[in-house]
Amino acid sequence: MALRLLILLMVAFLFCIALGGGLCNVRCSLHSRPKVCIRACGTSCARCKCVPPGLLQATDACGRCYTDMPTHHNKPKCP
């Protein structure tokens, strides 16, 4: 069961990077650490099936899934 979930998340992540990658690139273009931002954006895209429009504003456009996802240090994960 855990392996199946891991595979599903990996496929969703790759799909999101392929289709949402352009959106993540735009969203993270002005970030101080763009590669870290793009990785977090891809994870958020895979889990929430959404990338907010624009640069670093409008985080609420994807709902609570996007805004409430924490890092290991309990800070907002998604850019």
PDB file of N, CA and C in Angstrom:
ATOM      1  N   MET A   1       0.827  -1.201   0.000  1.00  0.00           N
ATOM      2  CA  MET A   1       0.000   0.000   0.000  1.00  0.00           C
ATOM      3  C   MET A   1       0.871   1.265   0.000  1.00  0.00           C
ATOM      4  N   ALA A   2       1.902   1.292   0.839  1.00  0.00           N
ATOM      5  CA  ALA A   2       2.774   2.465   0.910  1.00  0.00           C
ATOM      6  C   ALA A   2       3.545   2.646  -0.395  1.00  0.00           C
ATOM      7  N   LEU A   3       3.975   1.535  -0.982  1.00  0.00           N
ATOM      8  CA  LEU A   3       4.695   1.608  -2.253  1.00  0.00           C
ATOM      9  C   LEU A   3       3.792   2.147  -3.354  1.00  0.00           C
ATOM     10  N   ARG A   4       2.547   1.722  -3.351  1.00  0.00           N
ATOM     11  CA  ARG A   4       1.578   2.192  -4.349  1.00  0.00           C
ATOM     12  C   ARG A   4       1.361   3.699  -4.210  1.00  0.00           C
ATOM     13  N   LEU A   5       1.250   4.173  -2.979  1.00  0.00           N
ATOM     14  CA  LEU A   5       1.070   5.610  -2.731  1.00  0.00           C
ATOM     15  C   LEU A   5       2.309   6.392  -3.164  1.00  0.00           C
ATOM     16  N   LEU A   6       3.487   5.853  -2.872  1.00  0.00           N
ATOM     17  CA  LEU A   6       4.729   6.508  -3.274  1.00  0.00           C
ATOM     18  C   LEU A   6       4.826   6.617  -4.791  1.00  0.00           C
ATOM     19  N   ILE A   7       4.485   5.549  -5.490  1.00  0.00           N
ATOM     20  CA  ILE A   7       4.508   5.563  -6.958  1.00  0.00           C
ATOM     21  C   ILE A   7       3.507   6.573  -7.492  1.00  0.00           C
ATOM     22  N   LEU A   8       2.322   6.610  -6.907  1.00  0.00           N
ATOM     23  CA  LEU A   8       1.297   7.570  -7.335  1.00  0.00           C
ATOM     24  C   LEU A   8       1.775   9.004  -7.139  1.00  0.00           C
ATOM     25  N   LEU A   9       2.406   9.290  -6.002  1.00  0.00           N
ATOM     26  CA  LEU A   9       2.925  10.640  -5.754  1.00  0.00           C
ATOM     27  C   LEU A   9       4.050  10.992  -6.718  1.00  0.00           C
ATOM     28  N   MET A  10       4.905  10.029  -7.032  1.00  0.00           N
ATOM     29  CA  MET A  10       5.997  10.283  -7.977  1.00  0.00           C
ATOM     30  C   MET A  10       5.461  10.574  -9.371  1.00  0.00           C
ATOM     31  N   VAL A  11       4.454   9.814  -9.798  1.00  0.00           N
ATOM     32  CA  VAL A  11       3.849  10.049 -11.113  1.00  0.00           C
ATOM     33  C   VAL A  11       3.176  11.413 -11.137  1.00  0.00           C
ATOM     34  N   ALA A  12       2.442  11.743 -10.074  1.00  0.00           N
ATOM     35  CA  ALA A  12       1.782  13.051  -9.999  1.00  0.00           C
ATOM     36  C   ALA A  12       2.812  14.176 -10.008  1.00  0.00           C
ATOM     37  N   PHE A  13       3.926  13.983  -9.301  1.00  0.00           N
ATOM     38  CA  PHE A  13       4.983  14.987  -9.265  1.00  0.00           C
ATOM     39  C   PHE A  13       5.577  15.194 -10.658  1.00  0.00           C
ATOM     40  N   LEU A  14       5.897  14.097 -11.354  1.00  0.00           N
ATOM     41  CA  LEU A  14       6.468  14.205 -12.701  1.00  0.00           C
ATOM     42  C   LEU A  14       5.482  14.837 -13.673  1.00  0.00           C
ATOM     43  N   PHE A  15       4.211  14.477 -13.563  1.00  0.00           N
ATOM     44  CA  PHE A  15       3.174  15.058 -14.412  1.00  0.00           C
ATOM     45  C   PHE A  15       3.076  16.557 -14.155  1.00  0.00           C
ATOM     46  N   CYS A  16       3.115  16.928 -12.891  1.00  0.00           N
ATOM     47  CA  CYS A  16       3.025  18.339 -12.528  1.00  0.00           C
ATOM     48  C   CYS A  16       4.241  19.106 -13.018  1.00  0.00           C
ATOM     49  N   ILE A  17       5.422  18.510 -12.906  1.00  0.00           N
ATOM     50  CA  ILE A  17       6.630  19.175 -13.387  1.00  0.00           C
ATOM     51  C   ILE A  17       6.540  19.367 -14.896  1.00  0.00           C
ATOM     52  N   ALA A  18       6.038  18.350 -15.597  1.00  0.00           N
ATOM     53  CA  ALA A  18       5.943  18.437 -17.058  1.00  0.00           C
ATOM     54  C   ALA A  18       4.953  19.511 -17.483  1.00  0.00           C
ATOM     55  N   LEU A  19       3.767  19.513 -16.876  1.00  0.00           N
ATOM     56  CA  LEU A  19       2.738  20.473 -17.289  1.00  0.00           C
ATOM     57  C   LEU A  19       2.771  21.762 -16.485  1.00  0.00           C
ATOM     58  N   GLY A  20       3.030  21.650 -15.193  1.00  0.00           N
ATOM     59  CA  GLY A  20       3.034  22.833 -14.344  1.00  0.00           C
ATOM     60  C   GLY A  20       4.409  23.445 -14.194  1.00  0.00           C
ATOM     61  N   GLY A  21       5.422  22.810 -14.784  1.00  0.00           N
ATOM     62  CA  GLY A  21       6.786  23.303 -14.646  1.00  0.00           C
ATOM     63  C   GLY A  21       6.942  24.729 -15.116  1.00  0.00           C
ATOM     64  N   GLY A  22       6.289  25.063 -16.203  1.00  0.00           N
ATOM     65  CA  GLY A  22       6.337  26.434 -16.703  1.00  0.00           C
ATOM     66  C   GLY A  22       5.727  27.401 -15.711  1.00  0.00           C
ATOM     67  N   LEU A  23       4.630  26.965 -15.076  1.00  0.00           N
ATOM     68  CA  LEU A  23       3.987  27.809 -14.074  1.00  0.00           C
ATOM     69  C   LEU A  23       4.892  27.979 -12.852  1.00  0.00           C
ATOM     70  N   CYS A  24       5.546  26.893 -12.445  1.00  0.00           N
ATOM     71  CA  CYS A  24       6.471  26.982 -11.309  1.00  0.00           C
ATOM     72  C   CYS A  24       7.680  27.847 -11.657  1.00  0.00           C
ATOM     73  N   ASN A  25       8.154  27.757 -12.888  1.00  0.00           N
ATOM     74  CA  ASN A  25       9.285  28.601 -13.307  1.00  0.00           C
ATOM     75  C   ASN A  25       8.924  30.073 -13.231  1.00  0.00           C
ATOM     76  N   VAL A  26       7.724  30.421 -13.675  1.00  0.00           N
ATOM     77  CA  VAL A  26       7.264  31.815 -13.605  1.00  0.00           C
ATOM     78  C   VAL A  26       7.104  32.230 -12.153  1.00  0.00           C
ATOM     79  N   ARG A  27       6.451  31.365 -11.373  1.00  0.00           N
ATOM     80  CA  ARG A  27       6.181  31.694  -9.981  1.00  0.00           C
ATOM     81  C   ARG A  27       7.475  31.905  -9.183  1.00  0.00           C
ATOM     82  N   CYS A  28       8.507  31.151  -9.500  1.00  0.00           N
ATOM     83  CA  CYS A  28       9.756  31.190  -8.730  1.00  0.00           C
ATOM     84  C   CYS A  28      10.847  32.042  -9.369  1.00  0.00           C
ATOM     85  N   SER A  29      10.539  32.721 -10.452  1.00  0.00           N
ATOM     86  CA  SER A  29      11.570  33.451 -11.196  1.00  0.00           C
ATOM     87  C   SER A  29      12.241  34.561 -10.389  1.00  0.00           C
ATOM     88  N   LEU A  30      11.549  35.189  -9.468  1.00  0.00           N
ATOM     89  CA  LEU A  30      12.127  36.274  -8.674  1.00  0.00           C
ATOM     90  C   LEU A  30      12.529  35.835  -7.270  1.00  0.00           C
ATOM     91  N   HIS A  31      12.377  34.559  -6.970  1.00  0.00           N
ATOM     92  CA  HIS A  31      12.704  34.043  -5.642  1.00  0.00           C
ATOM     93  C   HIS A  31      14.214  34.100  -5.422  1.00  0.00           C
ATOM     94  N   SER A  32      14.643  34.293  -4.189  1.00  0.00           N
ATOM     95  CA  SER A  32      16.078  34.363  -3.892  1.00  0.00           C
ATOM     96  C   SER A  32      16.769  33.011  -4.083  1.00  0.00           C
ATOM     97  N   ARG A  33      16.015  31.922  -3.973  1.00  0.00           N
ATOM     98  CA  ARG A  33      16.555  30.574  -4.193  1.00  0.00           C
ATOM     99  C   ARG A  33      15.634  29.835  -5.162  1.00  0.00           C
ATOM    100  N   PRO A  34      15.734  30.119  -6.461  1.00  0.00           N
ATOM    101  CA  PRO A  34      14.774  29.589  -7.431  1.00  0.00           C
ATOM    102  C   PRO A  34      14.710  28.066  -7.503  1.00  0.00           C
ATOM    103  N   LYS A  35      15.826  27.365  -7.358  1.00  0.00           N
ATOM    104  CA  LYS A  35      15.786  25.900  -7.450  1.00  0.00           C
ATOM    105  C   LYS A  35      15.019  25.288  -6.285  1.00  0.00           C
ATOM    106  N   VAL A  36      15.209  25.824  -5.094  1.00  0.00           N
ATOM    107  CA  VAL A  36      14.471  25.354  -3.922  1.00  0.00           C
ATOM    108  C   VAL A  36      12.989  25.663  -4.097  1.00  0.00           C
ATOM    109  N   CYS A  37      12.699  26.851  -4.592  1.00  0.00           N
ATOM    110  CA  CYS A  37      11.319  27.269  -4.832  1.00  0.00           C
ATOM    111  C   CYS A  37      10.642  26.353  -5.845  1.00  0.00           C
ATOM    112  N   ILE A  38      11.323  26.030  -6.926  1.00  0.00           N
ATOM    113  CA  ILE A  38      10.743  25.181  -7.969  1.00  0.00           C
ATOM    114  C   ILE A  38      10.487  23.775  -7.426  1.00  0.00           C
ATOM    115  N   ARG A  39      11.394  23.256  -6.608  1.00  0.00           N
ATOM    116  CA  ARG A  39      11.182  21.929  -6.021  1.00  0.00           C
ATOM    117  C   ARG A  39       9.954  21.931  -5.107  1.00  0.00           C
ATOM    118  N   ALA A  40       9.819  22.949  -4.264  1.00  0.00           N
ATOM    119  CA  ALA A  40       8.663  23.046  -3.376  1.00  0.00           C
ATOM    120  C   ALA A  40       7.385  23.259  -4.175  1.00  0.00           C
ATOM    121  N   CYS A  41       7.471  24.052  -5.220  1.00  0.00           N
ATOM    122  CA  CYS A  41       6.313  24.310  -6.074  1.00  0.00           C
ATOM    123  C   CYS A  41       5.860  23.020  -6.757  1.00  0.00           C
ATOM    124  N   GLY A  42       6.815  22.214  -7.218  1.00  0.00           N
ATOM    125  CA  GLY A  42       6.479  20.941  -7.852  1.00  0.00           C
ATOM    126  C   GLY A  42       5.806  19.985  -6.891  1.00  0.00           C
ATOM    127  N   THR A  43       6.282  19.941  -5.647  1.00  0.00           N
ATOM    128  CA  THR A  43       5.659  19.098  -4.628  1.00  0.00           C
ATOM    129  C   THR A  43       4.242  19.568  -4.351  1.00  0.00           C
ATOM    130  N   SER A  44       4.073  20.875  -4.209  1.00  0.00           N
ATOM    131  CA  SER A  44       2.747  21.437  -3.965  1.00  0.00           C
ATOM    132  C   SER A  44       1.818  21.166  -5.135  1.00  0.00           C
ATOM    133  N   CYS A  45       2.341  21.286  -6.338  1.00  0.00           N
ATOM    134  CA  CYS A  45       1.561  21.024  -7.541  1.00  0.00           C
ATOM    135  C   CYS A  45       1.093  19.575  -7.558  1.00  0.00           C
ATOM    136  N   ALA A  46       1.978  18.652  -7.218  1.00  0.00           N
ATOM    137  CA  ALA A  46       1.629  17.232  -7.228  1.00  0.00           C
ATOM    138  C   ALA A  46       0.595  16.899  -6.164  1.00  0.00           C
ATOM    139  N   ARG A  47       0.737  17.461  -4.987  1.00  0.00           N
ATOM    140  CA  ARG A  47      -0.192  17.141  -3.894  1.00  0.00           C
ATOM    141  C   ARG A  47      -1.525  17.858  -4.036  1.00  0.00           C
ATOM    142  N   CYS A  48      -1.494  19.113  -4.446  1.00  0.00           N
ATOM    143  CA  CYS A  48      -2.714  19.928  -4.479  1.00  0.00           C
ATOM    144  C   CYS A  48      -3.315  20.053  -5.873  1.00  0.00           C
ATOM    145  N   LYS A  49      -2.592  19.609  -6.887  1.00  0.00           N
ATOM    146  CA  LYS A  49      -3.041  19.695  -8.285  1.00  0.00           C
ATOM    147  C   LYS A  49      -3.306  21.143  -8.691  1.00  0.00           C
ATOM    148  N   CYS A  50      -2.457  22.045  -8.184  1.00  0.00           N
ATOM    149  CA  CYS A  50      -2.670  23.468  -8.449  1.00  0.00           C
ATOM    150  C   CYS A  50      -1.365  24.236  -8.260  1.00  0.00           C
ATOM    151  N   VAL A  51      -1.163  25.233  -9.110  1.00  0.00           N
ATOM    152  CA  VAL A  51      -0.080  26.206  -8.939  1.00  0.00           C
ATOM    153  C   VAL A  51      -0.739  27.576  -9.035  1.00  0.00           C
ATOM    154  N   PRO A  52      -0.628  28.399  -7.988  1.00  0.00           N
ATOM    155  CA  PRO A  52      -1.251  29.716  -8.041  1.00  0.00           C
ATOM    156  C   PRO A  52      -0.688  30.559  -9.180  1.00  0.00           C
ATOM    157  N   PRO A  53      -1.504  31.427  -9.744  1.00  0.00           N
ATOM    158  CA  PRO A  53      -1.042  32.279 -10.840  1.00  0.00           C
ATOM    159  C   PRO A  53      -0.094  33.362 -10.338  1.00  0.00           C
ATOM    160  N   GLY A  54       0.716  33.865 -11.238  1.00  0.00           N
ATOM    161  CA  GLY A  54       1.566  35.006 -10.919  1.00  0.00           C
ATOM    162  C   GLY A  54       2.843  34.643 -10.203  1.00  0.00           C
ATOM    163  N   LEU A  55       3.460  35.649  -9.623  1.00  0.00           N
ATOM    164  CA  LEU A  55       4.739  35.451  -8.947  1.00  0.00           C
ATOM    165  C   LEU A  55       4.495  34.924  -7.537  1.00  0.00           C
ATOM    166  N   LEU A  56       4.853  35.628  -6.510  1.00  0.00           N
ATOM    167  CA  LEU A  56       4.755  35.067  -5.162  1.00  0.00           C
ATOM    168  C   LEU A  56       3.517  35.511  -4.390  1.00  0.00           C
ATOM    169  N   GLN A  57       2.537  36.070  -5.055  1.00  0.00           N
ATOM    170  CA  GLN A  57       1.298  36.439  -4.399  1.00  0.00           C
ATOM    171  C   GLN A  57       0.251  35.347  -4.650  1.00  0.00           C
ATOM    172  N   ALA A  58      -0.952  35.585  -4.223  1.00  0.00           N
ATOM    173  CA  ALA A  58      -2.124  34.760  -4.521  1.00  0.00           C
ATOM    174  C   ALA A  58      -1.984  33.313  -4.068  1.00  0.00           C
ATOM    175  N   THR A  59      -1.390  33.083  -2.900  1.00  0.00           N
ATOM    176  CA  THR A  59      -1.260  31.705  -2.431  1.00  0.00           C
ATOM    177  C   THR A  59      -2.611  31.087  -2.103  1.00  0.00           C
ATOM    178  N   ASP A  60      -3.607  31.915  -1.793  1.00  0.00           N
ATOM    179  CA  ASP A  60      -4.925  31.379  -1.451  1.00  0.00           C
ATOM    180  C   ASP A  60      -5.721  30.924  -2.670  1.00  0.00           C
ATOM    181  N   ALA A  61      -5.203  31.108  -3.871  1.00  0.00           N
ATOM    182  CA  ALA A  61      -5.919  30.708  -5.087  1.00  0.00           C
ATOM    183  C   ALA A  61      -6.096  29.198  -5.186  1.00  0.00           C
ATOM    184  N   CYS A  62      -5.242  28.432  -4.511  1.00  0.00           N
ATOM    185  CA  CYS A  62      -5.323  26.962  -4.560  1.00  0.00           C
ATOM    186  C   CYS A  62      -5.953  26.361  -3.312  1.00  0.00           C
ATOM    187  N   GLY A  63      -6.432  27.182  -2.427  1.00  0.00           N
ATOM    188  CA  GLY A  63      -7.122  26.661  -1.247  1.00  0.00           C
ATOM    189  C   GLY A  63      -6.188  26.255  -0.120  1.00  0.00           C
ATOM    190  N   ARG A  64      -6.785  25.609   0.879  1.00  0.00           N
ATOM    191  CA  ARG A  64      -6.057  25.261   2.100  1.00  0.00           C
ATOM    192  C   ARG A  64      -4.985  24.207   1.880  1.00  0.00           C
ATOM    193  N   CYS A  65      -5.163  23.329   0.911  1.00  0.00           N
ATOM    194  CA  CYS A  65      -4.145  22.315   0.635  1.00  0.00           C
ATOM    195  C   CYS A  65      -2.807  22.992   0.384  1.00  0.00           C
ATOM    196  N   TYR A  66      -2.812  24.041  -0.382  1.00  0.00           N
ATOM    197  CA  TYR A  66      -1.588  24.753  -0.751  1.00  0.00           C
ATOM    198  C   TYR A  66      -1.084  25.624   0.396  1.00  0.00           C
ATOM    199  N   THR A  67      -1.972  26.370   1.019  1.00  0.00           N
ATOM    200  CA  THR A  67      -1.546  27.329   2.049  1.00  0.00           C
ATOM    201  C   THR A  67      -1.175  26.669   3.369  1.00  0.00           C
ATOM    202  N   ASP A  68      -1.744  25.499   3.676  1.00  0.00           N
ATOM    203  CA  ASP A  68      -1.523  24.872   4.977  1.00  0.00           C
ATOM    204  C   ASP A  68      -0.467  23.767   4.968  1.00  0.00           C
ATOM    205  N   MET A  69       0.222  23.542   3.842  1.00  0.00           N
ATOM    206  CA  MET A  69       1.241  22.495   3.782  1.00  0.00           C
ATOM    207  C   MET A  69       2.512  22.995   4.471  1.00  0.00           C
ATOM    208  N   PRO A  70       2.939  22.326   5.578  1.00  0.00           N
ATOM    209  CA  PRO A  70       4.115  22.800   6.318  1.00  0.00           C
ATOM    210  C   PRO A  70       5.413  22.108   5.901  1.00  0.00           C
ATOM    211  N   THR A  71       6.526  22.752   6.226  1.00  0.00           N
ATOM    212  CA  THR A  71       7.842  22.125   6.092  1.00  0.00           C
ATOM    213  C   THR A  71       8.097  21.330   7.372  1.00  0.00           C
ATOM    214  N   HIS A  72       9.274  20.732   7.477  1.00  0.00           N
ATOM    215  CA  HIS A  72       9.629  20.014   8.699  1.00  0.00           C
ATOM    216  C   HIS A  72       9.783  20.967   9.881  1.00  0.00           C
ATOM    217  N   HIS A  73      10.008  22.247   9.595  1.00  0.00           N
ATOM    218  CA  HIS A  73      10.161  23.257  10.642  1.00  0.00           C
ATOM    219  C   HIS A  73       8.871  24.032  10.870  1.00  0.00           C
ATOM    220  N   ASN A  74       7.764  23.487  10.374  1.00  0.00           N
ATOM    221  CA  ASN A  74       6.421  24.042  10.564  1.00  0.00           C
ATOM    222  C   ASN A  74       6.245  25.438   9.968  1.00  0.00           C
ATOM    223  N   LYS A  75       6.937  25.702   8.870  1.00  0.00           N
ATOM    224  CA  LYS A  75       6.767  26.944   8.119  1.00  0.00           C
ATOM    225  C   LYS A  75       6.012  26.609   6.841  1.00  0.00           C
ATOM    226  N   PRO A  76       5.406  27.592   6.172  1.00  0.00           N
ATOM    227  CA  PRO A  76       4.695  27.297   4.919  1.00  0.00           C
ATOM    228  C   PRO A  76       5.643  26.713   3.869  1.00  0.00           C
ATOM    229  N   LYS A  77       5.267  25.566   3.301  1.00  0.00           N
ATOM    230  CA  LYS A  77       6.127  24.894   2.335  1.00  0.00           C
ATOM    231  C   LYS A  77       6.043  25.543   0.965  1.00  0.00           C
ATOM    232  N   CYS A  78       4.847  25.896   0.561  1.00  0.00           N
ATOM    233  CA  CYS A  78       4.621  26.294  -0.821  1.00  0.00           C
ATOM    234  C   CYS A  78       4.924  27.762  -1.058  1.00  0.00           C
ATOM    235  N   PRO A  79       5.622  28.041  -2.155  1.00  0.00           N
ATOM    236  CA  PRO A  79       5.982  29.428  -2.471  1.00  0.00           C
ATOM    237  C   PRO A  79       4.798  30.221  -2.981  1.00  0.00           C
TER     238      PRO A  79
END
